[in-house]
Amino acid sequence: MHTSYQLDSGHFGIKLGDVASTRNNLLANWSCYDRAGTIVDEPFGAVGASLLLQLSITSFYDTSPNRRQGSFFSEVYLFHVGGRFGDHSSYDIYPRRKEIFIENDPVAVLEAINDRAITRLLVVDKAPKEVKHHFKEPECAKERIISAFSYSPTGQVQQPDIELTGLDRCVMDEHQYGFETWEKSLCRING
């Protein structure tokens, strides 16, 4: 819950194309029912999405200001695909049920996204694959998901049209704390 009082939308620089923009343009029409989900498929992979992940957290708290005073954890989920890729509780992805561990199967991934009613999706920037999903699963996701973004674990996709910058030290502190937490959890998982 520390992100409820540490993070603010003013802590981020946003460009859409080459034009300065705002969170409300990037994450338009965010409502109190929105849920963000990030797909991660390698250790430290979510680092490349960390600024957008944190910006999503500010949207969660700002849609209903009483959330910042209450005991709310943001509706942010992390989908570990094909392994356990660290502990992301440093970003207040908590309770632990919000870190979902799924086999490396696109059908299972889409079902997990639909099960959690994700409305804002962050996916790893990769070439698309032809997949045969279960009946109506793609239609369900397409109707509900408001925005989707691709990211690279390195933080830089091939042809970016969005640029996010951390403008406040607390944004980078979250980033550093995330590394320290992930390193410890990877040691527990792998060693």
N, C-alpha and C. Protein backbone atom coordinates (compact mmCIF):
# COMPACT_ATOMS: atom_id res chain seq x y z
N MET A 1 0.81 -1.19 0.00
CA MET A 1 0.00 0.00 0.00
C MET A 1 0.85 1.26 0.00
N HIS A 2 2.16 1.08 0.07
CA HIS A 2 3.01 2.27 0.08
C HIS A 2 2.87 3.07 -1.21
N THR A 3 2.53 2.42 -2.31
CA THR A 3 2.38 3.17 -3.56
C THR A 3 1.20 4.13 -3.50
N SER A 4 0.25 3.88 -2.61
CA SER A 4 -0.92 4.77 -2.51
C SER A 4 -0.52 6.17 -2.07
N TYR A 5 0.52 6.29 -1.31
CA TYR A 5 0.94 7.63 -0.86
C TYR A 5 2.27 8.07 -1.47
N GLN A 6 3.00 7.17 -2.13
CA GLN A 6 4.28 7.55 -2.73
C GLN A 6 4.17 8.00 -4.19
N LEU A 7 3.29 7.36 -4.93
CA LEU A 7 3.22 7.63 -6.37
C LEU A 7 2.15 8.67 -6.72
N ASP A 8 2.47 9.49 -7.68
CA ASP A 8 1.56 10.53 -8.17
C ASP A 8 1.75 10.62 -9.68
N SER A 9 0.68 10.93 -10.38
CA SER A 9 0.79 11.00 -11.85
C SER A 9 1.79 12.06 -12.30
N GLY A 10 2.03 13.08 -11.47
CA GLY A 10 3.01 14.11 -11.80
C GLY A 10 4.45 13.63 -11.73
N HIS A 11 4.67 12.40 -11.27
CA HIS A 11 6.01 11.83 -11.18
C HIS A 11 6.48 11.24 -12.50
N PHE A 12 5.65 11.37 -13.54
CA PHE A 12 5.96 10.73 -14.82
C PHE A 12 5.90 11.73 -15.96
N GLY A 13 6.89 11.65 -16.85
CA GLY A 13 6.83 12.38 -18.11
C GLY A 13 6.24 11.45 -19.15
N ILE A 14 5.34 11.96 -19.97
CA ILE A 14 4.66 11.13 -20.97
C ILE A 14 4.71 11.83 -22.31
N LYS A 15 5.11 11.08 -23.33
CA LYS A 15 5.04 11.57 -24.70
C LYS A 15 4.29 10.54 -25.53
N LEU A 16 3.36 11.03 -26.32
CA LEU A 16 2.69 10.20 -27.32
C LEU A 16 3.21 10.69 -28.66
N GLY A 17 3.97 9.82 -29.33
CA GLY A 17 4.72 10.28 -30.49
C GLY A 17 5.82 11.20 -29.96
N ASP A 18 5.92 12.37 -30.52
CA ASP A 18 6.90 13.35 -30.04
C ASP A 18 6.26 14.47 -29.25
N VAL A 19 5.00 14.29 -28.86
CA VAL A 19 4.24 15.35 -28.21
C VAL A 19 4.05 15.04 -26.72
N ALA A 20 4.36 16.02 -25.87
CA ALA A 20 4.13 15.85 -24.43
C ALA A 20 2.64 15.59 -24.20
N SER A 21 2.36 14.69 -23.27
CA SER A 21 0.98 14.30 -23.04
C SER A 21 0.74 14.08 -21.54
N THR A 22 -0.41 13.49 -21.23
CA THR A 22 -0.80 13.26 -19.85
C THR A 22 -1.23 11.82 -19.66
N ARG A 23 -1.30 11.43 -18.40
CA ARG A 23 -1.79 10.08 -18.08
C ARG A 23 -3.20 9.90 -18.60
N ASN A 24 -4.03 10.94 -18.50
CA ASN A 24 -5.42 10.81 -18.94
C ASN A 24 -5.54 10.58 -20.44
N ASN A 25 -4.56 11.01 -21.22
CA ASN A 25 -4.56 10.71 -22.65
C ASN A 25 -4.08 9.28 -22.90
N LEU A 26 -3.06 8.86 -22.17
CA LEU A 26 -2.50 7.53 -22.36
C LEU A 26 -3.44 6.44 -21.84
N LEU A 27 -3.98 6.66 -20.67
CA LEU A 27 -4.87 5.68 -20.03
C LEU A 27 -6.28 6.28 -19.97
N ALA A 28 -6.79 6.62 -21.13
CA ALA A 28 -8.07 7.34 -21.23
C ALA A 28 -9.21 6.57 -20.58
N ASN A 29 -10.08 7.34 -19.96
CA ASN A 29 -11.32 6.81 -19.37
C ASN A 29 -11.10 5.72 -18.33
N TRP A 30 -10.03 5.83 -17.57
CA TRP A 30 -9.80 4.85 -16.50
C TRP A 30 -10.93 4.98 -15.48
N SER A 31 -11.51 3.87 -15.11
CA SER A 31 -12.61 3.89 -14.14
C SER A 31 -12.24 3.09 -12.90
N CYS A 32 -13.09 3.19 -11.92
CA CYS A 32 -12.81 2.47 -10.67
C CYS A 32 -12.92 0.95 -10.87
N TYR A 33 -13.38 0.50 -12.02
CA TYR A 33 -13.50 -0.93 -12.30
C TYR A 33 -12.34 -1.48 -13.13
N ASP A 34 -11.42 -0.62 -13.54
CA ASP A 34 -10.30 -1.07 -14.36
C ASP A 34 -9.33 -1.93 -13.56
N ARG A 35 -8.73 -2.89 -14.28
CA ARG A 35 -7.72 -3.78 -13.70
C ARG A 35 -6.60 -3.90 -14.72
N ALA A 36 -5.37 -3.67 -14.25
CA ALA A 36 -4.21 -3.76 -15.15
C ALA A 36 -3.55 -5.13 -14.99
N GLY A 37 -3.11 -5.68 -16.09
CA GLY A 37 -2.41 -6.95 -16.08
C GLY A 37 -1.15 -6.87 -16.92
N THR A 38 -0.06 -7.40 -16.40
CA THR A 38 1.22 -7.42 -17.11
C THR A 38 1.65 -8.85 -17.31
N ILE A 39 1.99 -9.19 -18.55
CA ILE A 39 2.53 -10.50 -18.88
C ILE A 39 4.05 -10.42 -18.72
N VAL A 40 4.63 -11.38 -18.01
CA VAL A 40 6.09 -11.44 -17.88
C VAL A 40 6.52 -12.87 -18.18
N ASP A 41 7.59 -13.01 -18.96
CA ASP A 41 8.01 -14.36 -19.35
C ASP A 41 9.51 -14.61 -19.17
N GLU A 42 10.16 -13.75 -18.37
CA GLU A 42 11.57 -13.97 -18.06
C GLU A 42 11.93 -13.24 -16.77
N PRO A 43 12.99 -13.68 -16.08
CA PRO A 43 13.39 -12.98 -14.86
C PRO A 43 13.64 -11.50 -15.13
N PHE A 44 13.15 -10.67 -14.23
CA PHE A 44 13.25 -9.21 -14.33
C PHE A 44 12.52 -8.65 -15.54
N GLY A 45 11.75 -9.46 -16.24
CA GLY A 45 11.09 -9.01 -17.46
C GLY A 45 10.16 -7.83 -17.26
N ALA A 46 9.46 -7.78 -16.13
CA ALA A 46 8.51 -6.70 -15.89
C ALA A 46 9.19 -5.36 -15.66
N VAL A 47 10.50 -5.35 -15.49
CA VAL A 47 11.22 -4.09 -15.31
C VAL A 47 10.96 -3.16 -16.51
N GLY A 48 10.91 -3.73 -17.69
CA GLY A 48 10.67 -2.92 -18.89
C GLY A 48 9.31 -2.27 -18.92
N ALA A 49 8.38 -2.77 -18.12
CA ALA A 49 7.03 -2.20 -18.05
C ALA A 49 6.80 -1.44 -16.75
N SER A 50 7.84 -1.29 -15.94
CA SER A 50 7.64 -0.77 -14.58
C SER A 50 7.06 0.63 -14.54
N LEU A 51 7.44 1.51 -15.45
CA LEU A 51 6.88 2.87 -15.41
C LEU A 51 5.40 2.87 -15.76
N LEU A 52 5.02 2.10 -16.76
CA LEU A 52 3.60 2.02 -17.12
C LEU A 52 2.81 1.31 -16.02
N LEU A 53 3.42 0.32 -15.42
CA LEU A 53 2.80 -0.36 -14.29
C LEU A 53 2.55 0.61 -13.14
N GLN A 54 3.55 1.41 -12.80
CA GLN A 54 3.39 2.39 -11.73
C GLN A 54 2.38 3.48 -12.09
N LEU A 55 2.39 3.90 -13.34
CA LEU A 55 1.42 4.91 -13.78
C LEU A 55 -0.01 4.36 -13.67
N SER A 56 -0.18 3.08 -13.98
CA SER A 56 -1.49 2.42 -13.83
C SER A 56 -1.92 2.44 -12.37
N ILE A 57 -0.98 2.24 -11.48
CA ILE A 57 -1.29 2.26 -10.05
C ILE A 57 -1.81 3.64 -9.63
N THR A 58 -1.22 4.71 -10.17
CA THR A 58 -1.73 6.05 -9.84
C THR A 58 -3.16 6.22 -10.35
N SER A 59 -3.46 5.64 -11.49
CA SER A 59 -4.83 5.73 -12.02
C SER A 59 -5.81 5.04 -11.09
N PHE A 60 -5.42 3.87 -10.59
CA PHE A 60 -6.29 3.15 -9.66
C PHE A 60 -6.63 4.02 -8.46
N TYR A 61 -5.63 4.65 -7.87
CA TYR A 61 -5.88 5.45 -6.66
C TYR A 61 -6.59 6.77 -6.97
N ASP A 62 -6.32 7.35 -8.11
CA ASP A 62 -6.91 8.66 -8.40
C ASP A 62 -8.37 8.59 -8.86
N THR A 63 -8.84 7.45 -9.33
CA THR A 63 -10.24 7.37 -9.76
C THR A 63 -11.20 7.45 -8.59
N SER A 64 -10.73 7.08 -7.43
CA SER A 64 -11.53 7.16 -6.21
C SER A 64 -10.59 7.58 -5.08
N PRO A 65 -10.49 8.88 -4.83
CA PRO A 65 -9.50 9.39 -3.88
C PRO A 65 -9.52 8.75 -2.50
N ASN A 66 -10.67 8.24 -2.05
CA ASN A 66 -10.70 7.59 -0.74
C ASN A 66 -9.83 6.34 -0.71
N ARG A 67 -9.47 5.82 -1.88
CA ARG A 67 -8.59 4.65 -1.92
C ARG A 67 -7.21 4.97 -1.35
N ARG A 68 -6.75 6.19 -1.52
CA ARG A 68 -5.43 6.57 -1.00
C ARG A 68 -5.43 6.59 0.53
N GLN A 69 -6.56 6.86 1.15
CA GLN A 69 -6.63 6.89 2.61
C GLN A 69 -7.00 5.53 3.19
N GLY A 70 -7.60 4.69 2.39
CA GLY A 70 -8.07 3.40 2.88
C GLY A 70 -6.99 2.34 2.82
N SER A 71 -7.41 1.15 3.09
CA SER A 71 -6.46 0.04 3.04
C SER A 71 -6.71 -0.78 1.77
N PHE A 72 -6.45 -0.13 0.64
CA PHE A 72 -6.65 -0.75 -0.67
C PHE A 72 -5.31 -1.07 -1.31
N PHE A 73 -5.23 -2.24 -1.90
CA PHE A 73 -4.14 -2.54 -2.81
C PHE A 73 -4.69 -2.35 -4.21
N SER A 74 -3.88 -1.81 -5.10
CA SER A 74 -4.36 -1.55 -6.46
C SER A 74 -4.73 -2.84 -7.17
N GLU A 75 -5.64 -2.72 -8.12
CA GLU A 75 -6.06 -3.86 -8.93
C GLU A 75 -5.09 -4.02 -10.09
N VAL A 76 -3.90 -4.50 -9.75
CA VAL A 76 -2.83 -4.72 -10.72
C VAL A 76 -2.38 -6.17 -10.56
N TYR A 77 -2.28 -6.87 -11.68
CA TYR A 77 -1.96 -8.29 -11.68
C TYR A 77 -0.73 -8.54 -12.55
N LEU A 78 0.01 -9.57 -12.18
CA LEU A 78 1.18 -9.96 -12.96
C LEU A 78 1.06 -11.43 -13.32
N PHE A 79 1.14 -11.73 -14.60
CA PHE A 79 1.00 -13.09 -15.10
C PHE A 79 2.38 -13.63 -15.46
N HIS A 80 2.90 -14.56 -14.66
CA HIS A 80 4.19 -15.20 -14.93
C HIS A 80 3.91 -16.35 -15.90
N VAL A 81 4.41 -16.24 -17.11
CA VAL A 81 4.14 -17.25 -18.14
C VAL A 81 5.36 -18.14 -18.31
N GLY A 82 5.20 -19.42 -17.95
CA GLY A 82 6.26 -20.40 -18.15
C GLY A 82 7.29 -20.47 -17.04
N GLY A 83 7.04 -19.84 -15.91
CA GLY A 83 7.99 -19.90 -14.80
C GLY A 83 7.63 -18.92 -13.70
N ARG A 84 8.49 -18.89 -12.70
CA ARG A 84 8.34 -17.93 -11.59
C ARG A 84 9.44 -16.91 -11.76
N PHE A 85 9.05 -15.69 -12.06
CA PHE A 85 10.03 -14.67 -12.44
C PHE A 85 10.17 -13.57 -11.41
N GLY A 86 10.19 -13.95 -10.15
CA GLY A 86 10.45 -13.00 -9.08
C GLY A 86 9.20 -12.58 -8.35
N ASP A 87 9.42 -11.90 -7.25
CA ASP A 87 8.38 -11.39 -6.36
C ASP A 87 8.18 -9.91 -6.69
N HIS A 88 6.98 -9.52 -7.05
CA HIS A 88 6.71 -8.14 -7.46
C HIS A 88 5.91 -7.38 -6.41
N SER A 89 5.93 -7.85 -5.19
CA SER A 89 5.19 -7.17 -4.12
C SER A 89 5.73 -5.77 -3.86
N SER A 90 6.95 -5.48 -4.28
CA SER A 90 7.50 -4.14 -4.10
C SER A 90 6.70 -3.10 -4.87
N TYR A 91 5.97 -3.53 -5.89
CA TYR A 91 5.08 -2.63 -6.63
C TYR A 91 3.65 -2.70 -6.10
N ASP A 92 3.50 -3.26 -4.92
CA ASP A 92 2.19 -3.46 -4.30
C ASP A 92 1.31 -4.38 -5.14
N ILE A 93 1.91 -5.29 -5.86
CA ILE A 93 1.13 -6.34 -6.50
C ILE A 93 0.93 -7.37 -5.39
N TYR A 94 -0.15 -7.15 -4.68
CA TYR A 94 -0.41 -7.87 -3.44
C TYR A 94 -1.91 -7.81 -3.19
N PRO A 95 -2.50 -8.80 -2.55
CA PRO A 95 -1.92 -10.00 -2.00
C PRO A 95 -1.35 -10.93 -3.09
N ARG A 96 -0.70 -11.95 -2.64
CA ARG A 96 0.05 -12.83 -3.54
C ARG A 96 -0.80 -13.44 -4.66
N ARG A 97 -2.08 -13.53 -4.45
CA ARG A 97 -2.96 -14.10 -5.48
C ARG A 97 -2.96 -13.26 -6.76
N LYS A 98 -2.42 -12.04 -6.69
CA LYS A 98 -2.37 -11.18 -7.86
C LYS A 98 -1.14 -11.44 -8.73
N GLU A 99 -0.28 -12.35 -8.26
CA GLU A 99 0.81 -12.84 -9.12
C GLU A 99 0.39 -14.24 -9.53
N ILE A 100 0.07 -14.41 -10.79
CA ILE A 100 -0.49 -15.64 -11.31
C ILE A 100 0.58 -16.38 -12.10
N PHE A 101 0.72 -17.67 -11.80
CA PHE A 101 1.74 -18.50 -12.46
C PHE A 101 1.03 -19.43 -13.43
N ILE A 102 1.39 -19.31 -14.71
CA ILE A 102 0.69 -20.02 -15.78
C ILE A 102 1.70 -20.75 -16.65
N GLU A 103 1.29 -21.88 -17.17
CA GLU A 103 2.15 -22.59 -18.11
C GLU A 103 2.31 -21.74 -19.37
N ASN A 104 3.33 -22.03 -20.13
CA ASN A 104 3.60 -21.28 -21.36
C ASN A 104 2.67 -21.78 -22.46
N ASP A 105 1.42 -21.38 -22.34
CA ASP A 105 0.37 -21.79 -23.27
C ASP A 105 -0.55 -20.59 -23.49
N PRO A 106 -0.58 -20.03 -24.71
CA PRO A 106 -1.40 -18.84 -24.96
C PRO A 106 -2.88 -19.01 -24.60
N VAL A 107 -3.39 -20.22 -24.73
CA VAL A 107 -4.79 -20.47 -24.37
C VAL A 107 -4.98 -20.26 -22.87
N ALA A 108 -4.09 -20.81 -22.06
CA ALA A 108 -4.16 -20.66 -20.60
C ALA A 108 -3.96 -19.20 -20.19
N VAL A 109 -3.09 -18.49 -20.90
CA VAL A 109 -2.83 -17.08 -20.59
C VAL A 109 -4.09 -16.25 -20.81
N LEU A 110 -4.74 -16.41 -21.95
CA LEU A 110 -5.95 -15.64 -22.24
C LEU A 110 -7.06 -15.98 -21.24
N GLU A 111 -7.18 -17.24 -20.87
CA GLU A 111 -8.19 -17.62 -19.88
C GLU A 111 -7.91 -16.94 -18.54
N ALA A 112 -6.65 -16.87 -18.14
CA ALA A 112 -6.29 -16.22 -16.87
C ALA A 112 -6.58 -14.72 -16.93
N ILE A 113 -6.30 -14.09 -18.06
CA ILE A 113 -6.60 -12.66 -18.25
C ILE A 113 -8.11 -12.44 -18.14
N ASN A 114 -8.87 -13.28 -18.79
CA ASN A 114 -10.33 -13.16 -18.73
C ASN A 114 -10.86 -13.45 -17.33
N ASP A 115 -10.29 -14.44 -16.65
CA ASP A 115 -10.73 -14.77 -15.29
C ASP A 115 -10.60 -13.59 -14.34
N ARG A 116 -9.59 -12.75 -14.56
CA ARG A 116 -9.36 -11.60 -13.68
C ARG A 116 -9.97 -10.31 -14.24
N ALA A 117 -10.68 -10.42 -15.33
CA ALA A 117 -11.37 -9.27 -15.95
C ALA A 117 -10.42 -8.10 -16.20
N ILE A 118 -9.25 -8.40 -16.75
CA ILE A 118 -8.25 -7.37 -17.05
C ILE A 118 -8.80 -6.43 -18.12
N THR A 119 -8.64 -5.12 -17.87
CA THR A 119 -9.11 -4.12 -18.83
C THR A 119 -7.97 -3.34 -19.47
N ARG A 120 -6.79 -3.36 -18.85
CA ARG A 120 -5.60 -2.68 -19.38
C ARG A 120 -4.50 -3.73 -19.38
N LEU A 121 -3.93 -4.01 -20.54
CA LEU A 121 -3.02 -5.13 -20.68
C LEU A 121 -1.65 -4.69 -21.18
N LEU A 122 -0.60 -5.18 -20.54
CA LEU A 122 0.78 -4.94 -20.95
C LEU A 122 1.37 -6.29 -21.35
N VAL A 123 1.81 -6.41 -22.61
CA VAL A 123 2.33 -7.66 -23.12
C VAL A 123 3.75 -7.49 -23.62
N VAL A 124 4.50 -8.57 -23.60
CA VAL A 124 5.87 -8.55 -24.10
C VAL A 124 5.83 -8.38 -25.62
N ASP A 125 6.67 -7.51 -26.13
CA ASP A 125 6.73 -7.21 -27.56
C ASP A 125 7.39 -8.38 -28.29
N LYS A 126 6.57 -9.20 -28.92
CA LYS A 126 7.04 -10.37 -29.67
C LYS A 126 6.20 -10.53 -30.93
N ALA A 127 6.71 -11.32 -31.84
CA ALA A 127 5.95 -11.61 -33.05
C ALA A 127 4.69 -12.40 -32.68
N PRO A 128 3.56 -12.05 -33.28
CA PRO A 128 2.32 -12.78 -32.97
C PRO A 128 2.38 -14.21 -33.49
N LYS A 129 1.62 -15.08 -32.81
CA LYS A 129 1.51 -16.49 -33.21
C LYS A 129 0.05 -16.79 -33.51
N GLU A 130 -0.15 -17.73 -34.39
CA GLU A 130 -1.50 -18.21 -34.67
C GLU A 130 -1.88 -19.17 -33.54
N VAL A 131 -3.01 -18.88 -32.87
CA VAL A 131 -3.44 -19.70 -31.73
C VAL A 131 -4.93 -19.99 -31.88
N LYS A 132 -5.31 -21.22 -31.57
CA LYS A 132 -6.72 -21.58 -31.55
C LYS A 132 -7.18 -21.58 -30.10
N HIS A 133 -7.93 -20.54 -29.75
CA HIS A 133 -8.42 -20.39 -28.38
C HIS A 133 -9.74 -21.12 -28.20
N HIS A 134 -10.12 -21.29 -26.94
CA HIS A 134 -11.42 -21.89 -26.64
C HIS A 134 -12.54 -20.94 -27.08
N PHE A 135 -13.67 -21.52 -27.30
CA PHE A 135 -14.86 -20.82 -27.80
C PHE A 135 -15.12 -19.53 -27.03
N LYS A 136 -15.18 -18.43 -27.72
CA LYS A 136 -15.56 -17.10 -27.24
C LYS A 136 -14.55 -16.43 -26.32
N GLU A 137 -13.42 -17.04 -26.00
CA GLU A 137 -12.43 -16.38 -25.14
C GLU A 137 -11.87 -15.11 -25.79
N PRO A 138 -11.45 -15.14 -27.06
CA PRO A 138 -10.95 -13.89 -27.67
C PRO A 138 -12.00 -12.79 -27.72
N GLU A 139 -13.24 -13.14 -28.03
CA GLU A 139 -14.30 -12.15 -28.11
C GLU A 139 -14.54 -11.50 -26.75
N CYS A 140 -14.50 -12.29 -25.71
CA CYS A 140 -14.68 -11.77 -24.35
C CYS A 140 -13.59 -10.75 -24.02
N ALA A 141 -12.35 -11.09 -24.35
CA ALA A 141 -11.22 -10.18 -24.07
C ALA A 141 -11.34 -8.90 -24.91
N LYS A 142 -11.65 -9.04 -26.18
CA LYS A 142 -11.73 -7.87 -27.07
C LYS A 142 -12.81 -6.90 -26.61
N GLU A 143 -13.90 -7.40 -26.11
CA GLU A 143 -14.97 -6.52 -25.66
C GLU A 143 -14.59 -5.76 -24.38
N ARG A 144 -13.82 -6.40 -23.50
CA ARG A 144 -13.52 -5.83 -22.19
C ARG A 144 -12.24 -5.01 -22.14
N ILE A 145 -11.20 -5.42 -22.87
CA ILE A 145 -9.91 -4.74 -22.78
C ILE A 145 -9.99 -3.38 -23.48
N ILE A 146 -9.70 -2.34 -22.72
CA ILE A 146 -9.80 -0.96 -23.22
C ILE A 146 -8.52 -0.54 -23.92
N SER A 147 -7.39 -0.92 -23.35
CA SER A 147 -6.10 -0.57 -23.97
C SER A 147 -5.09 -1.68 -23.72
N ALA A 148 -4.20 -1.82 -24.68
CA ALA A 148 -3.13 -2.82 -24.58
C ALA A 148 -1.84 -2.17 -25.07
N PHE A 149 -0.75 -2.51 -24.41
CA PHE A 149 0.55 -1.94 -24.72
C PHE A 149 1.57 -3.06 -24.80
N SER A 150 2.50 -2.93 -25.72
CA SER A 150 3.61 -3.88 -25.76
C SER A 150 4.82 -3.22 -25.14
N TYR A 151 5.62 -4.02 -24.47
CA TYR A 151 6.82 -3.51 -23.82
C TYR A 151 7.95 -4.50 -24.04
N SER A 152 9.15 -4.04 -23.83
CA SER A 152 10.33 -4.89 -23.89
C SER A 152 10.90 -5.00 -22.48
N PRO A 153 11.39 -6.17 -22.10
CA PRO A 153 12.05 -6.29 -20.79
C PRO A 153 13.21 -5.30 -20.62
N THR A 154 13.77 -4.84 -21.73
CA THR A 154 14.86 -3.86 -21.66
C THR A 154 14.33 -2.44 -21.47
N GLY A 155 13.03 -2.24 -21.66
CA GLY A 155 12.43 -0.92 -21.56
C GLY A 155 12.34 -0.19 -22.88
N GLN A 156 12.84 -0.78 -23.97
CA GLN A 156 12.86 -0.10 -25.26
C GLN A 156 12.35 -1.06 -26.34
N VAL A 157 11.17 -0.77 -26.90
CA VAL A 157 10.65 -1.58 -28.00
C VAL A 157 11.25 -1.07 -29.31
N GLN A 158 11.08 -1.84 -30.38
CA GLN A 158 11.69 -1.51 -31.67
C GLN A 158 11.19 -0.19 -32.25
N GLN A 159 9.90 0.01 -32.28
CA GLN A 159 9.33 1.24 -32.87
C GLN A 159 8.37 1.87 -31.87
N PRO A 160 8.91 2.56 -30.88
CA PRO A 160 8.03 3.10 -29.82
C PRO A 160 7.18 4.27 -30.30
N ASP A 161 5.95 4.33 -29.80
CA ASP A 161 5.11 5.49 -30.03
C ASP A 161 4.72 6.14 -28.71
N ILE A 162 5.21 5.59 -27.62
CA ILE A 162 4.99 6.13 -26.28
C ILE A 162 6.33 6.21 -25.58
N GLU A 163 6.57 7.31 -24.89
CA GLU A 163 7.78 7.44 -24.09
C GLU A 163 7.38 7.85 -22.67
N LEU A 164 7.82 7.05 -21.70
CA LEU A 164 7.57 7.36 -20.29
C LEU A 164 8.90 7.62 -19.61
N THR A 165 8.90 8.61 -18.73
CA THR A 165 10.10 8.99 -17.99
C THR A 165 9.74 9.16 -16.52
N GLY A 166 10.57 8.65 -15.63
CA GLY A 166 10.38 8.90 -14.21
C GLY A 166 10.94 10.26 -13.87
N LEU A 167 10.11 11.15 -13.29
CA LEU A 167 10.52 12.51 -12.97
C LEU A 167 10.80 12.71 -11.49
N ASP A 168 10.49 11.72 -10.69
CA ASP A 168 10.65 11.85 -9.25
C ASP A 168 11.46 10.66 -8.73
N ARG A 169 12.26 10.92 -7.74
CA ARG A 169 13.13 9.88 -7.19
C ARG A 169 12.33 8.65 -6.70
N CYS A 170 11.13 8.88 -6.18
CA CYS A 170 10.37 7.74 -5.65
C CYS A 170 10.05 6.72 -6.74
N VAL A 171 9.89 7.17 -7.98
CA VAL A 171 9.63 6.24 -9.09
C VAL A 171 10.84 5.32 -9.27
N MET A 172 12.01 5.89 -9.24
CA MET A 172 13.22 5.08 -9.41
C MET A 172 13.52 4.26 -8.15
N ASP A 173 13.13 4.77 -6.97
CA ASP A 173 13.29 3.98 -5.75
C ASP A 173 12.45 2.72 -5.82
N GLU A 174 11.22 2.84 -6.34
CA GLU A 174 10.37 1.66 -6.53
C GLU A 174 11.06 0.67 -7.45
N HIS A 175 11.63 1.20 -8.50
CA HIS A 175 12.35 0.39 -9.49
C HIS A 175 13.51 -0.37 -8.81
N GLN A 176 14.34 0.33 -8.04
CA GLN A 176 15.48 -0.28 -7.36
C GLN A 176 15.03 -1.30 -6.33
N TYR A 177 14.00 -0.95 -5.56
CA TYR A 177 13.48 -1.86 -4.55
C TYR A 177 12.95 -3.12 -5.23
N GLY A 178 12.35 -2.95 -6.39
CA GLY A 178 11.86 -4.10 -7.15
C GLY A 178 12.99 -5.05 -7.51
N PHE A 179 14.11 -4.50 -7.97
CA PHE A 179 15.26 -5.34 -8.30
C PHE A 179 15.73 -6.13 -7.08
N GLU A 180 15.86 -5.45 -5.95
CA GLU A 180 16.34 -6.11 -4.73
C GLU A 180 15.39 -7.21 -4.30
N THR A 181 14.08 -6.95 -4.36
CA THR A 181 13.09 -7.95 -3.98
C THR A 181 13.12 -9.13 -4.93
N TRP A 182 13.20 -8.84 -6.26
CA TRP A 182 13.22 -9.91 -7.25
C TRP A 182 14.47 -10.77 -7.10
N GLU A 183 15.62 -10.16 -6.86
CA GLU A 183 16.85 -10.94 -6.69
C GLU A 183 16.72 -11.90 -5.52
N LYS A 184 16.17 -11.44 -4.41
CA LYS A 184 15.99 -12.30 -3.24
C LYS A 184 15.02 -13.43 -3.54
N SER A 185 13.92 -13.11 -4.21
CA SER A 185 12.92 -14.15 -4.49
C SER A 185 13.45 -15.15 -5.50
N LEU A 186 14.24 -14.70 -6.48
CA LEU A 186 14.80 -15.63 -7.46
C LEU A 186 15.78 -16.57 -6.78
N CYS A 187 16.52 -16.08 -5.81
CA CYS A 187 17.44 -16.93 -5.07
C CYS A 187 16.65 -18.00 -4.31
N ARG A 188 15.51 -17.61 -3.70
CA ARG A 188 14.69 -18.58 -2.97
C ARG A 188 14.11 -19.61 -3.92
N ILE A 189 13.67 -19.18 -5.10
CA ILE A 189 13.04 -20.10 -6.06
C ILE A 189 14.08 -21.02 -6.69
N ASN A 190 15.21 -20.47 -7.08
CA ASN A 190 16.21 -21.23 -7.83
C ASN A 190 17.28 -21.87 -6.97
N GLY A 191 17.41 -21.47 -5.74
CA GLY A 191 18.53 -21.97 -4.96
C GLY A 191 18.12 -22.48 -3.65
